[in-house]
Amino acid sequence: CILCRRAEADPDICGDKQEKYGLCAHVFCLFFASLLFRQDDDHVGLLGFLPRDIQLAVRRAAQKHCCVCGQSGATIICCGENCDRWFHLPCAKEGSCVTQYITPYSSYCPEHCPEQDVQ
């Protein structure tokens, strides 16, 4: 996957791999990538993500290090206010990050993860 840099990743976490235009990416790696915006038409690009935008996200991620594994290429930033922790989607679970698999696909580091009130 061009976004998480994993040849093999848990499909329950990252989704299936999609290939088009010489790009290969997991479905959820695309949806969770920060500052990567989807077009209204699913048939445009790779599931609605333009190839040039995906390449831009990869270049931007090269400067970001994962707060879990320490490697570069992290594409997801914590949604916590003023937090600058980045991570790879496959690292999120092992790093106790919270990823919400519903629109708008939000991700949080352990320090900023939302808590659910139990009644």
N, C-alpha and C. Protein backbone atom coordinates (compact mmCIF):
# COMPACT_ATOMS: atom_id res chain seq x y z
N CYS A 1 0.85 -1.18 0.00
CA CYS A 1 0.00 0.00 0.00
C CYS A 1 0.89 1.24 0.00
N ILE A 2 0.62 2.13 -0.91
CA ILE A 2 1.42 3.35 -1.03
C ILE A 2 1.29 4.25 0.21
N LEU A 3 0.20 4.10 0.97
CA LEU A 3 -0.03 4.96 2.12
C LEU A 3 0.51 4.39 3.44
N CYS A 4 0.27 3.11 3.71
CA CYS A 4 0.74 2.54 4.98
C CYS A 4 2.07 1.80 4.82
N ARG A 5 2.48 1.58 3.58
CA ARG A 5 3.75 0.92 3.27
C ARG A 5 3.79 -0.54 3.71
N ARG A 6 2.65 -1.18 3.79
CA ARG A 6 2.58 -2.59 4.17
C ARG A 6 2.13 -3.41 2.97
N ALA A 7 2.87 -4.48 2.70
CA ALA A 7 2.45 -5.40 1.65
C ALA A 7 1.29 -6.24 2.16
N GLU A 8 1.39 -6.63 3.42
CA GLU A 8 0.33 -7.41 4.05
C GLU A 8 -0.15 -6.65 5.29
N ALA A 9 -1.43 -6.45 5.40
CA ALA A 9 -2.01 -5.78 6.56
C ALA A 9 -3.37 -6.42 6.82
N ASP A 10 -3.83 -6.36 8.04
CA ASP A 10 -5.11 -6.94 8.42
C ASP A 10 -6.23 -6.26 7.63
N PRO A 11 -6.94 -7.02 6.79
CA PRO A 11 -8.02 -6.41 6.00
C PRO A 11 -9.16 -5.86 6.86
N ASP A 12 -9.30 -6.36 8.08
CA ASP A 12 -10.33 -5.83 8.98
C ASP A 12 -9.98 -4.41 9.42
N ILE A 13 -8.70 -4.08 9.43
CA ILE A 13 -8.25 -2.74 9.83
C ILE A 13 -8.07 -1.84 8.62
N CYS A 14 -7.38 -2.34 7.60
CA CYS A 14 -7.02 -1.51 6.45
C CYS A 14 -7.95 -1.65 5.25
N GLY A 15 -8.76 -2.67 5.23
CA GLY A 15 -9.64 -2.90 4.08
C GLY A 15 -8.89 -3.62 2.97
N ASP A 16 -9.58 -3.86 1.89
CA ASP A 16 -8.99 -4.52 0.73
C ASP A 16 -8.06 -3.58 -0.01
N LYS A 17 -7.10 -4.16 -0.73
CA LYS A 17 -6.20 -3.35 -1.57
C LYS A 17 -6.89 -3.06 -2.89
N GLN A 18 -6.73 -1.84 -3.34
CA GLN A 18 -7.25 -1.41 -4.64
C GLN A 18 -6.07 -0.98 -5.50
N GLU A 19 -6.11 -1.34 -6.77
CA GLU A 19 -5.03 -0.95 -7.69
C GLU A 19 -5.61 -0.30 -8.93
N LYS A 20 -5.02 0.84 -9.28
CA LYS A 20 -5.44 1.57 -10.47
C LYS A 20 -4.41 2.67 -10.72
N TYR A 21 -4.18 2.98 -11.97
CA TYR A 21 -3.24 4.05 -12.35
C TYR A 21 -1.84 3.82 -11.79
N GLY A 22 -1.46 2.56 -11.60
CA GLY A 22 -0.14 2.26 -11.07
C GLY A 22 -0.02 2.49 -9.57
N LEU A 23 -1.14 2.75 -8.91
CA LEU A 23 -1.16 2.97 -7.46
C LEU A 23 -1.85 1.79 -6.78
N CYS A 24 -1.37 1.45 -5.61
CA CYS A 24 -1.99 0.39 -4.82
C CYS A 24 -2.19 0.93 -3.41
N ALA A 25 -3.42 0.86 -2.92
CA ALA A 25 -3.71 1.39 -1.58
C ALA A 25 -4.86 0.60 -0.96
N HIS A 26 -4.81 0.48 0.36
CA HIS A 26 -5.93 -0.11 1.09
C HIS A 26 -7.08 0.90 1.13
N VAL A 27 -8.29 0.39 1.09
CA VAL A 27 -9.48 1.23 1.10
C VAL A 27 -9.47 2.19 2.30
N PHE A 28 -9.26 1.65 3.51
CA PHE A 28 -9.34 2.51 4.69
C PHE A 28 -8.12 3.39 4.86
N CYS A 29 -6.98 3.00 4.30
CA CYS A 29 -5.82 3.90 4.32
C CYS A 29 -6.15 5.16 3.53
N LEU A 30 -6.90 5.01 2.44
CA LEU A 30 -7.32 6.17 1.66
C LEU A 30 -8.30 7.04 2.46
N PHE A 31 -9.30 6.42 3.07
CA PHE A 31 -10.32 7.18 3.78
C PHE A 31 -9.79 7.88 5.03
N PHE A 32 -8.81 7.27 5.72
CA PHE A 32 -8.30 7.87 6.95
C PHE A 32 -7.16 8.86 6.73
N ALA A 33 -6.53 8.84 5.57
CA ALA A 33 -5.38 9.72 5.33
C ALA A 33 -5.76 11.18 5.51
N SER A 34 -5.00 11.87 6.32
CA SER A 34 -5.26 13.29 6.60
C SER A 34 -4.96 14.14 5.38
N LEU A 35 -5.78 15.13 5.16
CA LEU A 35 -5.63 16.08 4.05
C LEU A 35 -5.71 15.41 2.67
N LEU A 36 -6.34 14.26 2.60
CA LEU A 36 -6.60 13.59 1.32
C LEU A 36 -8.12 13.62 1.14
N PHE A 37 -8.56 14.34 0.13
CA PHE A 37 -9.99 14.58 -0.03
C PHE A 37 -10.56 13.78 -1.19
N ARG A 38 -11.74 13.26 -0.99
CA ARG A 38 -12.42 12.42 -1.95
C ARG A 38 -13.33 13.27 -2.84
N GLN A 39 -13.36 12.93 -4.11
CA GLN A 39 -14.26 13.58 -5.06
C GLN A 39 -15.67 13.04 -4.88
N ASP A 40 -16.66 13.74 -5.40
CA ASP A 40 -18.04 13.30 -5.29
C ASP A 40 -18.34 12.06 -6.13
N ASP A 41 -17.54 11.83 -7.16
CA ASP A 41 -17.76 10.71 -8.07
C ASP A 41 -16.81 9.56 -7.72
N ASP A 42 -17.36 8.42 -7.26
CA ASP A 42 -16.55 7.25 -6.89
C ASP A 42 -15.77 6.68 -8.07
N HIS A 43 -16.21 6.97 -9.28
CA HIS A 43 -15.58 6.40 -10.47
C HIS A 43 -14.36 7.20 -10.93
N VAL A 44 -14.12 8.33 -10.31
CA VAL A 44 -12.96 9.17 -10.64
C VAL A 44 -11.78 8.68 -9.80
N GLY A 45 -10.64 8.54 -10.44
CA GLY A 45 -9.44 8.14 -9.71
C GLY A 45 -9.58 6.79 -9.05
N LEU A 46 -9.00 6.66 -7.86
CA LEU A 46 -9.03 5.42 -7.10
C LEU A 46 -10.08 5.58 -5.99
N LEU A 47 -11.27 5.02 -6.22
CA LEU A 47 -12.40 5.15 -5.29
C LEU A 47 -12.78 6.60 -5.01
N GLY A 48 -12.54 7.48 -5.98
CA GLY A 48 -12.89 8.89 -5.81
C GLY A 48 -11.72 9.76 -5.36
N PHE A 49 -10.56 9.16 -5.13
CA PHE A 49 -9.36 9.91 -4.74
C PHE A 49 -8.48 10.08 -5.98
N LEU A 50 -8.14 11.31 -6.29
CA LEU A 50 -7.35 11.59 -7.48
C LEU A 50 -5.90 11.14 -7.30
N PRO A 51 -5.32 10.52 -8.33
CA PRO A 51 -3.94 10.05 -8.24
C PRO A 51 -2.96 11.13 -7.79
N ARG A 52 -3.10 12.36 -8.31
CA ARG A 52 -2.17 13.43 -7.92
C ARG A 52 -2.31 13.78 -6.44
N ASP A 53 -3.54 13.69 -5.90
CA ASP A 53 -3.77 13.96 -4.49
C ASP A 53 -3.17 12.86 -3.61
N ILE A 54 -3.27 11.62 -4.08
CA ILE A 54 -2.67 10.49 -3.34
C ILE A 54 -1.15 10.65 -3.31
N GLN A 55 -0.56 11.00 -4.45
CA GLN A 55 0.89 11.20 -4.52
C GLN A 55 1.33 12.34 -3.60
N LEU A 56 0.53 13.40 -3.54
CA LEU A 56 0.83 14.52 -2.65
C LEU A 56 0.79 14.07 -1.18
N ALA A 57 -0.20 13.26 -0.83
CA ALA A 57 -0.30 12.74 0.53
C ALA A 57 0.92 11.89 0.88
N VAL A 58 1.42 11.12 -0.07
CA VAL A 58 2.60 10.28 0.15
C VAL A 58 3.84 11.16 0.36
N ARG A 59 3.98 12.20 -0.45
CA ARG A 59 5.13 13.11 -0.28
C ARG A 59 5.07 13.83 1.06
N ARG A 60 3.88 14.26 1.45
CA ARG A 60 3.72 14.93 2.74
C ARG A 60 4.04 13.96 3.89
N ALA A 61 3.59 12.72 3.76
CA ALA A 61 3.80 11.70 4.80
C ALA A 61 5.27 11.34 4.97
N ALA A 62 6.06 11.52 3.93
CA ALA A 62 7.49 11.21 4.02
C ALA A 62 8.18 12.05 5.09
N GLN A 63 7.57 13.19 5.42
CA GLN A 63 8.13 14.08 6.44
C GLN A 63 7.56 13.82 7.83
N LYS A 64 6.59 12.91 7.92
CA LYS A 64 5.90 12.64 9.19
C LYS A 64 6.31 11.28 9.74
N HIS A 65 6.59 11.23 11.04
CA HIS A 65 6.98 9.98 11.68
C HIS A 65 5.84 9.46 12.55
N CYS A 66 5.64 8.17 12.49
CA CYS A 66 4.58 7.50 13.25
C CYS A 66 4.91 7.53 14.74
N CYS A 67 3.95 7.95 15.55
CA CYS A 67 4.15 8.02 17.00
C CYS A 67 4.15 6.63 17.63
N VAL A 68 3.79 5.60 16.86
CA VAL A 68 3.77 4.23 17.37
C VAL A 68 5.04 3.48 17.00
N CYS A 69 5.36 3.41 15.70
CA CYS A 69 6.52 2.62 15.25
C CYS A 69 7.76 3.47 15.02
N GLY A 70 7.61 4.79 14.92
CA GLY A 70 8.75 5.67 14.72
C GLY A 70 9.21 5.81 13.29
N GLN A 71 8.62 5.06 12.37
CA GLN A 71 9.01 5.12 10.96
C GLN A 71 8.34 6.31 10.26
N SER A 72 8.97 6.76 9.19
CA SER A 72 8.38 7.85 8.41
C SER A 72 7.23 7.32 7.56
N GLY A 73 6.51 8.23 6.94
CA GLY A 73 5.42 7.84 6.05
C GLY A 73 4.06 7.78 6.71
N ALA A 74 3.93 8.35 7.90
CA ALA A 74 2.64 8.34 8.60
C ALA A 74 1.66 9.29 7.89
N THR A 75 0.48 8.80 7.60
CA THR A 75 -0.49 9.58 6.83
C THR A 75 -1.69 10.07 7.64
N ILE A 76 -1.79 9.67 8.91
CA ILE A 76 -2.96 10.02 9.71
C ILE A 76 -2.53 10.88 10.89
N ILE A 77 -3.18 12.03 11.06
CA ILE A 77 -2.89 12.88 12.21
C ILE A 77 -4.06 12.77 13.21
N CYS A 78 -3.72 12.82 14.47
CA CYS A 78 -4.73 12.79 15.53
C CYS A 78 -5.68 13.97 15.35
N CYS A 79 -6.96 13.72 15.55
CA CYS A 79 -7.98 14.76 15.43
C CYS A 79 -8.10 15.61 16.69
N GLY A 80 -7.32 15.29 17.71
CA GLY A 80 -7.35 16.08 18.93
C GLY A 80 -6.86 17.50 18.66
N GLU A 81 -7.47 18.46 19.31
CA GLU A 81 -7.12 19.86 19.09
C GLU A 81 -5.65 20.11 19.42
N ASN A 82 -4.94 20.73 18.49
CA ASN A 82 -3.53 21.08 18.62
C ASN A 82 -2.60 19.89 18.81
N CYS A 83 -3.04 18.70 18.46
CA CYS A 83 -2.18 17.52 18.56
C CYS A 83 -1.44 17.33 17.23
N ASP A 84 -0.17 17.01 17.31
CA ASP A 84 0.60 16.81 16.08
C ASP A 84 1.16 15.40 15.99
N ARG A 85 0.47 14.44 16.61
CA ARG A 85 0.90 13.04 16.52
C ARG A 85 0.34 12.42 15.23
N TRP A 86 1.24 11.79 14.48
CA TRP A 86 0.89 11.12 13.23
C TRP A 86 1.09 9.63 13.41
N PHE A 87 0.36 8.83 12.65
CA PHE A 87 0.56 7.38 12.69
C PHE A 87 0.09 6.72 11.40
N HIS A 88 0.51 5.47 11.22
CA HIS A 88 0.05 4.64 10.11
C HIS A 88 -1.22 3.93 10.57
N LEU A 89 -2.14 3.65 9.69
CA LEU A 89 -3.37 2.97 10.08
C LEU A 89 -3.09 1.60 10.71
N PRO A 90 -2.19 0.77 10.16
CA PRO A 90 -1.95 -0.52 10.80
C PRO A 90 -1.33 -0.39 12.20
N CYS A 91 -0.68 0.71 12.50
CA CYS A 91 -0.07 0.92 13.81
C CYS A 91 -1.08 1.39 14.85
N ALA A 92 -2.22 1.90 14.41
CA ALA A 92 -3.19 2.50 15.31
C ALA A 92 -3.63 1.55 16.43
N LYS A 93 -3.96 0.33 16.07
CA LYS A 93 -4.46 -0.63 17.07
C LYS A 93 -3.39 -0.94 18.11
N GLU A 94 -2.18 -1.27 17.65
CA GLU A 94 -1.12 -1.61 18.60
C GLU A 94 -0.67 -0.41 19.43
N GLY A 95 -0.93 0.79 18.96
CA GLY A 95 -0.57 2.00 19.68
C GLY A 95 -1.70 2.55 20.54
N SER A 96 -2.79 1.80 20.67
CA SER A 96 -3.96 2.21 21.45
C SER A 96 -4.62 3.48 20.92
N CYS A 97 -4.49 3.72 19.63
CA CYS A 97 -5.19 4.84 19.00
C CYS A 97 -6.64 4.40 18.75
N VAL A 98 -7.51 5.35 18.56
CA VAL A 98 -8.91 5.05 18.26
C VAL A 98 -9.20 5.53 16.84
N THR A 99 -9.73 4.62 16.02
CA THR A 99 -10.12 4.97 14.66
C THR A 99 -11.62 4.71 14.55
N GLN A 100 -12.33 5.71 14.07
CA GLN A 100 -13.78 5.61 13.95
C GLN A 100 -14.14 5.35 12.49
N TYR A 101 -14.59 4.13 12.21
CA TYR A 101 -14.88 3.69 10.86
C TYR A 101 -16.26 4.13 10.38
N ILE A 102 -16.59 5.37 10.64
CA ILE A 102 -17.82 5.98 10.14
C ILE A 102 -17.44 7.38 9.66
N THR A 103 -18.19 7.89 8.71
CA THR A 103 -17.91 9.24 8.20
C THR A 103 -17.95 10.23 9.34
N PRO A 104 -16.97 11.04 9.54
CA PRO A 104 -15.88 11.44 8.66
C PRO A 104 -14.55 10.73 8.89
N TYR A 105 -14.56 9.46 9.33
CA TYR A 105 -13.34 8.67 9.49
C TYR A 105 -12.29 9.40 10.34
N SER A 106 -12.58 9.55 11.60
CA SER A 106 -11.70 10.27 12.52
C SER A 106 -10.75 9.31 13.23
N SER A 107 -9.57 9.82 13.59
CA SER A 107 -8.56 9.03 14.30
C SER A 107 -7.99 9.85 15.44
N TYR A 108 -7.69 9.18 16.54
CA TYR A 108 -7.19 9.85 17.73
C TYR A 108 -6.04 9.07 18.35
N CYS A 109 -5.04 9.79 18.84
CA CYS A 109 -3.96 9.17 19.59
C CYS A 109 -4.52 8.77 20.96
N PRO A 110 -3.78 7.96 21.73
CA PRO A 110 -4.30 7.53 23.04
C PRO A 110 -4.63 8.67 23.99
N GLU A 111 -3.90 9.77 23.89
CA GLU A 111 -4.12 10.91 24.79
C GLU A 111 -5.43 11.63 24.50
N HIS A 112 -5.87 11.62 23.24
CA HIS A 112 -7.05 12.39 22.84
C HIS A 112 -8.24 11.54 22.43
N CYS A 113 -8.18 10.25 22.64
CA CYS A 113 -9.28 9.39 22.18
C CYS A 113 -10.56 9.71 22.94
N PRO A 114 -11.68 9.73 22.21
CA PRO A 114 -12.96 10.03 22.86
C PRO A 114 -13.36 8.90 23.80
N GLU A 115 -14.07 9.26 24.84
CA GLU A 115 -14.56 8.26 25.78
C GLU A 115 -16.07 8.24 25.71
N GLN A 116 -16.61 7.05 25.81
CA GLN A 116 -18.06 6.89 25.72
C GLN A 116 -18.63 6.85 27.13
N ASP A 117 -19.69 7.61 27.33
CA ASP A 117 -20.38 7.59 28.63
C ASP A 117 -21.22 6.33 28.71
N VAL A 118 -21.06 5.60 29.80
CA VAL A 118 -21.86 4.39 30.00
C VAL A 118 -22.97 4.71 30.99
N GLN A 119 -24.18 4.36 30.61
CA GLN A 119 -25.31 4.65 31.50
C GLN A 119 -26.00 3.35 31.90
